[in-house]
N, C-alpha and C. Protein backbone atom coordinates (compact mmCIF):
# COMPACT_ATOMS: atom_id res chain seq x y z
N ILE A 1 93.23 4.13 69.96
CA ILE A 1 91.99 4.89 70.65
C ILE A 1 92.39 6.09 71.15
N MET A 2 91.85 7.11 70.75
CA MET A 2 92.14 8.39 71.22
C MET A 2 91.63 8.57 72.92
N TYR A 3 92.69 9.36 73.25
CA TYR A 3 92.28 9.62 74.58
C TYR A 3 92.89 10.86 75.11
N ARG A 4 92.62 11.54 76.40
CA ARG A 4 93.39 12.91 76.67
C ARG A 4 93.78 12.73 78.02
N ARG A 5 94.98 13.21 78.38
CA ARG A 5 95.43 12.99 79.65
C ARG A 5 94.88 14.10 80.51
N LEU A 6 94.71 13.94 81.73
CA LEU A 6 94.05 14.86 82.70
C LEU A 6 94.08 14.70 84.28
N THR A 7 93.93 15.66 84.91
CA THR A 7 94.00 15.45 86.57
C THR A 7 92.66 15.28 86.83
N CYS A 8 92.72 14.66 88.29
CA CYS A 8 91.80 14.32 88.86
C CYS A 8 91.64 14.20 90.43
N ALA A 9 90.48 14.91 90.98
CA ALA A 9 90.50 15.04 92.46
C ALA A 9 89.08 14.88 92.99
N SER A 10 89.39 14.69 94.34
CA SER A 10 88.09 14.43 95.26
C SER A 10 87.65 15.85 95.80
N ILE A 11 86.45 16.25 95.69
CA ILE A 11 86.12 17.74 96.34
C ILE A 11 84.86 17.77 97.21
N ARG A 12 85.27 18.13 98.29
CA ARG A 12 83.97 18.04 99.05
C ARG A 12 83.48 19.58 99.16
N VAL A 13 82.34 19.83 99.02
CA VAL A 13 81.61 21.30 98.82
C VAL A 13 80.70 21.51 99.91
N ALA A 14 80.73 23.08 100.60
CA ALA A 14 79.66 23.25 101.34
C ALA A 14 78.64 24.04 100.33
N PRO A 15 77.40 23.57 100.30
CA PRO A 15 76.53 24.51 99.60
C PRO A 15 76.29 25.69 100.02
N GLN A 16 76.00 26.52 99.21
CA GLN A 16 76.00 28.26 99.52
C GLN A 16 74.74 28.42 100.66
N LYS A 17 73.94 27.53 100.45
CA LYS A 17 72.64 27.81 101.30
C LYS A 17 73.08 27.61 102.87
N GLN A 18 74.32 27.00 103.10
CA GLN A 18 74.69 26.98 104.30
C GLN A 18 75.60 28.00 104.80
N ASN A 19 75.98 28.78 103.97
CA ASN A 19 76.98 29.91 104.21
C ASN A 19 75.93 31.12 104.18
N LEU A 20 75.31 31.25 105.14
CA LEU A 20 74.20 32.36 105.13
C LEU A 20 74.92 33.82 105.32
N GLY A 21 74.44 34.68 105.16
CA GLY A 21 74.41 36.02 105.70
C GLY A 21 74.02 36.52 106.75
N THR A 22 73.89 37.93 107.07
CA THR A 22 73.28 38.11 108.62
C THR A 22 71.94 37.86 108.29
N ALA A 23 71.38 37.71 109.45
CA ALA A 23 69.66 37.81 109.61
C ALA A 23 69.28 36.30 108.75
N GLY A 24 70.30 35.37 108.54
CA GLY A 24 69.82 34.18 107.97
C GLY A 24 69.33 34.69 106.24
N GLN A 25 69.83 35.73 105.94
CA GLN A 25 69.59 36.02 104.40
C GLN A 25 70.65 35.12 103.64
N GLN A 26 70.18 34.71 102.46
CA GLN A 26 71.57 34.13 101.43
C GLN A 26 72.54 34.97 101.23
N GLY A 27 73.62 34.65 101.76
CA GLY A 27 74.57 35.61 101.47
C GLY A 27 75.58 35.11 100.37
N ARG A 28 77.00 35.78 100.26
CA ARG A 28 78.16 35.29 99.42
C ARG A 28 78.64 34.16 100.34
N PRO A 29 79.47 33.18 99.71
CA PRO A 29 80.06 32.19 100.31
C PRO A 29 81.28 32.80 101.45
N ARG A 30 81.08 32.44 102.65
CA ARG A 30 82.11 32.92 103.70
C ARG A 30 83.39 32.25 103.56
N GLY A 31 83.76 31.05 102.60
CA GLY A 31 84.94 30.52 102.47
C GLY A 31 85.53 30.85 101.26
N LYS A 32 86.72 30.88 101.09
CA LYS A 32 87.59 31.22 99.86
C LYS A 32 87.62 30.11 98.95
N LYS A 33 87.54 30.41 97.58
CA LYS A 33 87.57 29.26 96.65
C LYS A 33 89.11 28.67 96.83
N LEU A 34 89.27 27.23 96.53
CA LEU A 34 90.21 26.87 96.75
C LEU A 34 91.08 26.76 95.17
N GLU A 35 92.37 26.76 94.93
CA GLU A 35 93.06 26.65 94.03
C GLU A 35 92.71 25.51 92.90
N GLY A 36 92.67 25.65 91.89
CA GLY A 36 92.32 24.63 91.08
C GLY A 36 90.70 24.25 91.15
N VAL A 37 89.95 24.71 91.74
CA VAL A 37 88.68 24.39 91.86
C VAL A 37 87.77 25.66 91.52
N GLU A 38 87.79 26.48 90.72
CA GLU A 38 87.63 27.67 90.90
C GLU A 38 86.03 27.61 90.05
N TRP A 39 85.73 26.47 89.11
CA TRP A 39 84.53 26.20 88.76
C TRP A 39 83.57 25.74 89.66
N VAL A 40 83.70 25.34 90.79
CA VAL A 40 82.64 25.24 91.71
C VAL A 40 82.13 26.37 92.28
N ASP A 41 80.72 26.41 92.00
CA ASP A 41 79.95 27.52 92.66
C ASP A 41 79.80 27.67 94.06
N ASP A 42 79.91 26.30 94.77
CA ASP A 42 79.66 26.69 96.33
C ASP A 42 81.13 26.56 96.66
N VAL A 43 81.45 26.46 98.15
CA VAL A 43 82.65 26.77 98.70
C VAL A 43 83.14 25.34 98.90
N ALA A 44 84.37 25.18 98.13
CA ALA A 44 84.96 23.84 98.21
C ALA A 44 85.84 23.93 99.75
N THR A 45 85.59 22.74 100.59
CA THR A 45 86.20 22.71 101.77
C THR A 45 87.27 21.75 101.85
N PHE A 46 87.42 20.85 100.87
CA PHE A 46 88.41 19.82 100.96
C PHE A 46 88.64 19.31 99.27
N VAL A 47 89.88 19.27 99.26
CA VAL A 47 90.48 18.74 98.17
C VAL A 47 91.40 17.67 98.00
N GLN A 48 91.34 16.50 97.70
CA GLN A 48 92.52 15.37 97.53
C GLN A 48 92.59 15.18 96.07
N PRO A 49 93.87 15.19 95.72
CA PRO A 49 94.19 14.70 94.31
C PRO A 49 94.31 13.27 94.54
N LEU A 50 93.64 12.67 93.11
CA LEU A 50 93.30 11.22 92.93
C LEU A 50 94.58 10.73 91.91
N GLY A 51 94.82 11.71 91.26
CA GLY A 51 95.97 11.46 89.98
C GLY A 51 96.02 12.70 89.09
N ASP A 52 97.34 12.46 88.38
CA ASP A 52 97.32 13.61 87.42
C ASP A 52 97.74 13.15 86.01
N GLU A 53 98.52 13.69 85.14
CA GLU A 53 98.47 13.49 83.83
C GLU A 53 99.50 12.34 83.53
N SER A 54 99.87 11.91 84.41
CA SER A 54 100.94 10.49 84.34
C SER A 54 100.12 9.28 84.68
N THR A 55 98.90 9.52 85.39
CA THR A 55 98.16 8.31 85.91
C THR A 55 96.63 8.26 85.32
N ILE A 56 96.11 9.38 85.07
CA ILE A 56 94.68 9.43 84.53
C ILE A 56 94.61 9.58 82.88
N ALA A 57 93.47 9.11 82.55
CA ALA A 57 93.36 9.38 81.06
C ALA A 57 91.79 9.27 80.77
N GLN A 58 91.35 9.74 79.84
CA GLN A 58 89.86 9.83 79.63
C GLN A 58 89.74 9.35 77.96
N VAL A 59 89.19 8.34 77.55
CA VAL A 59 88.82 7.66 76.27
C VAL A 59 87.75 8.38 75.99
N HIS A 60 87.62 8.39 74.50
CA HIS A 60 86.61 9.00 73.56
C HIS A 60 85.45 7.88 73.63
N PRO A 61 84.16 7.72 74.31
CA PRO A 61 83.41 6.59 74.37
C PRO A 61 83.12 5.81 73.04
N LYS A 62 82.79 6.72 72.21
CA LYS A 62 82.27 6.14 70.95
C LYS A 62 83.61 5.35 70.24
N MET A 63 84.46 6.00 70.34
CA MET A 63 85.87 5.30 69.80
C MET A 63 86.19 3.88 70.67
N LEU A 64 86.24 4.09 71.88
CA LEU A 64 86.37 2.86 72.76
C LEU A 64 85.32 1.75 72.30
N CYS A 65 84.00 2.07 72.19
CA CYS A 65 82.89 1.12 71.95
C CYS A 65 83.53 0.40 70.54
N GLU A 66 83.72 1.33 69.59
CA GLU A 66 83.85 0.73 68.14
C GLU A 66 85.25 -0.10 68.01
N ALA A 67 86.14 0.29 68.92
CA ALA A 67 87.28 -0.54 68.98
C ALA A 67 86.99 -2.03 69.28
N MET A 68 86.24 -1.96 70.65
CA MET A 68 85.93 -2.92 71.34
C MET A 68 85.14 -4.20 70.38
N TRP A 69 84.19 -3.45 69.88
CA TRP A 69 83.24 -4.09 68.72
C TRP A 69 84.07 -4.80 67.51
N ASP A 70 85.03 -4.01 66.94
CA ASP A 70 85.95 -4.29 65.91
C ASP A 70 86.70 -5.43 66.48
N SER A 71 87.51 -5.47 67.71
CA SER A 71 88.27 -6.41 68.34
C SER A 71 87.39 -8.13 68.19
N VAL A 72 86.07 -7.83 68.97
CA VAL A 72 85.29 -8.87 69.07
C VAL A 72 84.89 -9.53 67.60
N GLN A 73 84.60 -8.72 66.68
CA GLN A 73 84.38 -9.34 65.15
C GLN A 73 85.56 -10.06 64.70
N GLN A 74 86.60 -9.39 64.96
CA GLN A 74 87.71 -10.16 64.13
C GLN A 74 88.20 -11.62 64.83
N ASN A 75 87.68 -11.65 66.10
CA ASN A 75 88.26 -12.78 66.99
C ASN A 75 87.02 -13.93 66.53
N ASP A 76 87.85 -15.20 66.13
CA ASP A 76 86.67 -16.43 65.60
C ASP A 76 86.18 -16.96 67.05
N ASN A 77 86.71 -16.84 68.00
CA ASN A 77 86.32 -17.48 69.27
C ASN A 77 84.88 -16.94 69.72
N PHE A 78 84.28 -15.80 69.01
CA PHE A 78 83.10 -15.16 69.47
C PHE A 78 82.13 -14.89 68.44
N ASP A 79 80.78 -15.60 68.62
CA ASP A 79 79.79 -15.16 67.94
C ASP A 79 79.34 -13.75 68.39
N SER A 80 79.54 -12.85 67.40
CA SER A 80 79.00 -11.41 67.74
C SER A 80 77.61 -11.11 66.78
N LEU A 81 76.67 -10.04 67.39
CA LEU A 81 75.64 -9.79 66.83
C LEU A 81 75.29 -8.62 67.47
N LEU A 82 75.38 -7.18 66.77
CA LEU A 82 74.85 -6.23 66.85
C LEU A 82 73.41 -5.85 66.80
N MET A 83 72.88 -5.48 68.26
CA MET A 83 71.32 -5.24 68.15
C MET A 83 71.22 -3.91 68.59
N LYS A 84 70.84 -3.15 67.59
CA LYS A 84 70.41 -1.84 67.88
C LYS A 84 69.41 -1.36 68.47
N GLY A 85 69.10 -0.57 69.48
CA GLY A 85 67.80 -0.06 70.16
C GLY A 85 67.86 1.23 70.83
N LYS A 86 67.04 1.20 71.82
CA LYS A 86 67.03 2.75 72.44
C LYS A 86 67.12 2.38 73.90
N VAL A 87 67.88 3.24 74.70
CA VAL A 87 67.88 3.12 76.16
C VAL A 87 66.81 3.75 76.76
N ALA A 88 66.09 3.37 77.65
CA ALA A 88 65.14 4.27 78.25
C ALA A 88 65.53 4.34 79.61
């Protein structure tokens, strides 16, 4: 199954509307962007690493589902039936 290694972190943000400029006007965030979370539009106030490329990976969802389905079909201990439908 294909996967990609990545890093993961827990990030706490302060919405920009809480970082008001003078006289209660919407202003630029007062905080400085934290390294590694430049993509956050709000101000990141806390970052805690949860894992790195040696401990975290993301699988391709379709490939994972297909591999699990193939495994079930090949196992004589399971009766398998694929029912296609829609999720609402």
